[in-house]
Amino acid sequence: MEIQRVLISDSCDPRCAEILTKAGCEVTVKTDHTPAQLVENIKNFDALVVRSATKVTAAVINAAPNLKVRLSEASTRLDGE
């Protein structure tokens, strides 16, 4: 499974985007989608990173033919932090 384009739709630690970028992903951070905008834009992404603000509805999933991964309640930290 190859993940190339990642949408981060809720605010999270900036290291999340850094880690994904270093892994070769094209990362888009857009935290102000309306539900309709998310449905329209999700088709362009392979992965979606959310916390609790973004609601991943059936409409979002059905509009996402390329979606391979959805990470929720995302947190990025190092062991020992």
Protein backbone atom coordinates (compact mmCIF):
# COMPACT_ATOMS: atom_id res chain seq x y z
CA MET A 1 0.00 0.00 0.00
CA GLU A 2 1.52 3.28 -1.11
CA ILE A 3 0.45 6.48 0.58
CA GLN A 4 1.48 9.59 -1.33
CA ARG A 5 -0.96 12.36 -0.37
CA VAL A 6 -2.04 12.98 3.22
CA LEU A 7 -4.62 15.46 4.49
CA ILE A 8 -4.33 16.62 8.09
CA SER A 9 -7.73 18.13 8.82
CA ASP A 10 -7.44 18.90 12.54
CA SER A 11 -4.74 20.72 14.44
CA CYS A 12 -2.05 18.43 15.78
CA ASP A 13 1.61 18.56 16.69
CA PRO A 14 3.61 19.96 13.74
CA ARG A 15 5.95 16.98 14.03
CA CYS A 16 3.18 14.83 12.55
CA ALA A 17 3.45 16.63 9.19
CA GLU A 18 7.25 16.64 9.44
CA ILE A 19 7.40 12.87 9.99
CA LEU A 20 5.03 12.19 7.09
CA THR A 21 6.95 14.55 4.80
CA LYS A 22 10.27 12.88 5.69
CA ALA A 23 8.64 9.54 4.85
CA GLY A 24 7.99 10.85 1.34
CA CYS A 25 4.36 11.93 1.65
CA GLU A 26 2.92 15.12 0.23
CA VAL A 27 1.15 16.62 3.25
CA THR A 28 -1.65 19.18 3.18
CA VAL A 29 -2.74 20.78 6.45
CA LYS A 30 -6.22 22.30 6.15
CA THR A 31 -8.09 22.63 9.40
CA ASP A 32 -11.04 24.74 8.29
CA HIS A 33 -12.94 22.43 5.94
CA THR A 34 -16.69 22.54 6.06
CA PRO A 35 -18.23 19.04 5.86
CA ALA A 36 -19.11 19.70 2.20
CA GLN A 37 -15.57 20.87 1.40
CA LEU A 38 -14.10 17.77 3.02
CA VAL A 39 -16.36 15.54 0.91
CA GLU A 40 -15.26 17.44 -2.20
CA ASN A 41 -11.52 17.44 -1.41
CA ILE A 42 -10.97 14.01 0.16
CA LYS A 43 -10.96 12.33 -3.26
CA ASN A 44 -7.47 13.71 -3.79
CA PHE A 45 -5.89 12.03 -0.75
CA ASP A 46 -4.65 8.57 0.25
CA ALA A 47 -4.75 9.19 4.01
CA LEU A 48 -6.65 11.40 6.44
CA VAL A 49 -5.38 12.47 9.85
CA VAL A 50 -8.08 13.73 12.24
CA ARG A 51 -8.57 14.37 15.93
CA SER A 52 -12.02 15.10 17.31
CA ALA A 53 -13.13 18.15 15.30
CA THR A 54 -13.41 16.43 11.92
CA LYS A 55 -16.30 14.02 11.61
CA VAL A 56 -15.56 11.22 9.17
CA THR A 57 -19.05 10.41 7.93
CA ALA A 58 -20.23 7.84 5.42
CA ALA A 59 -20.37 10.66 2.85
CA VAL A 60 -16.67 11.38 3.42
CA ILE A 61 -15.70 7.72 3.10
CA ASN A 62 -17.86 7.23 0.01
CA ALA A 63 -16.25 10.27 -1.63
CA ALA A 64 -12.73 8.95 -1.01
CA PRO A 65 -11.88 6.33 -3.63
CA ASN A 66 -8.15 6.61 -2.87
CA LEU A 67 -8.41 6.61 0.93
CA LYS A 68 -6.26 3.84 2.36
CA VAL A 69 -5.72 5.03 5.93
CA ARG A 70 -7.56 7.16 8.44
CA LEU A 71 -5.69 8.07 11.59
CA SER A 72 -7.84 9.43 14.37
CA GLU A 73 -7.03 10.98 17.71
CA ALA A 74 -3.64 11.61 16.19
CA SER A 75 -0.76 12.34 18.47
CA THR A 76 2.91 12.45 17.71
CA ARG A 77 5.37 11.98 20.52
CA LEU A 78 8.62 10.29 21.25
CA ASP A 79 8.96 7.52 23.79
CA GLY A 80 9.84 9.00 27.15
CA GLU A 81 8.07 12.33 26.57
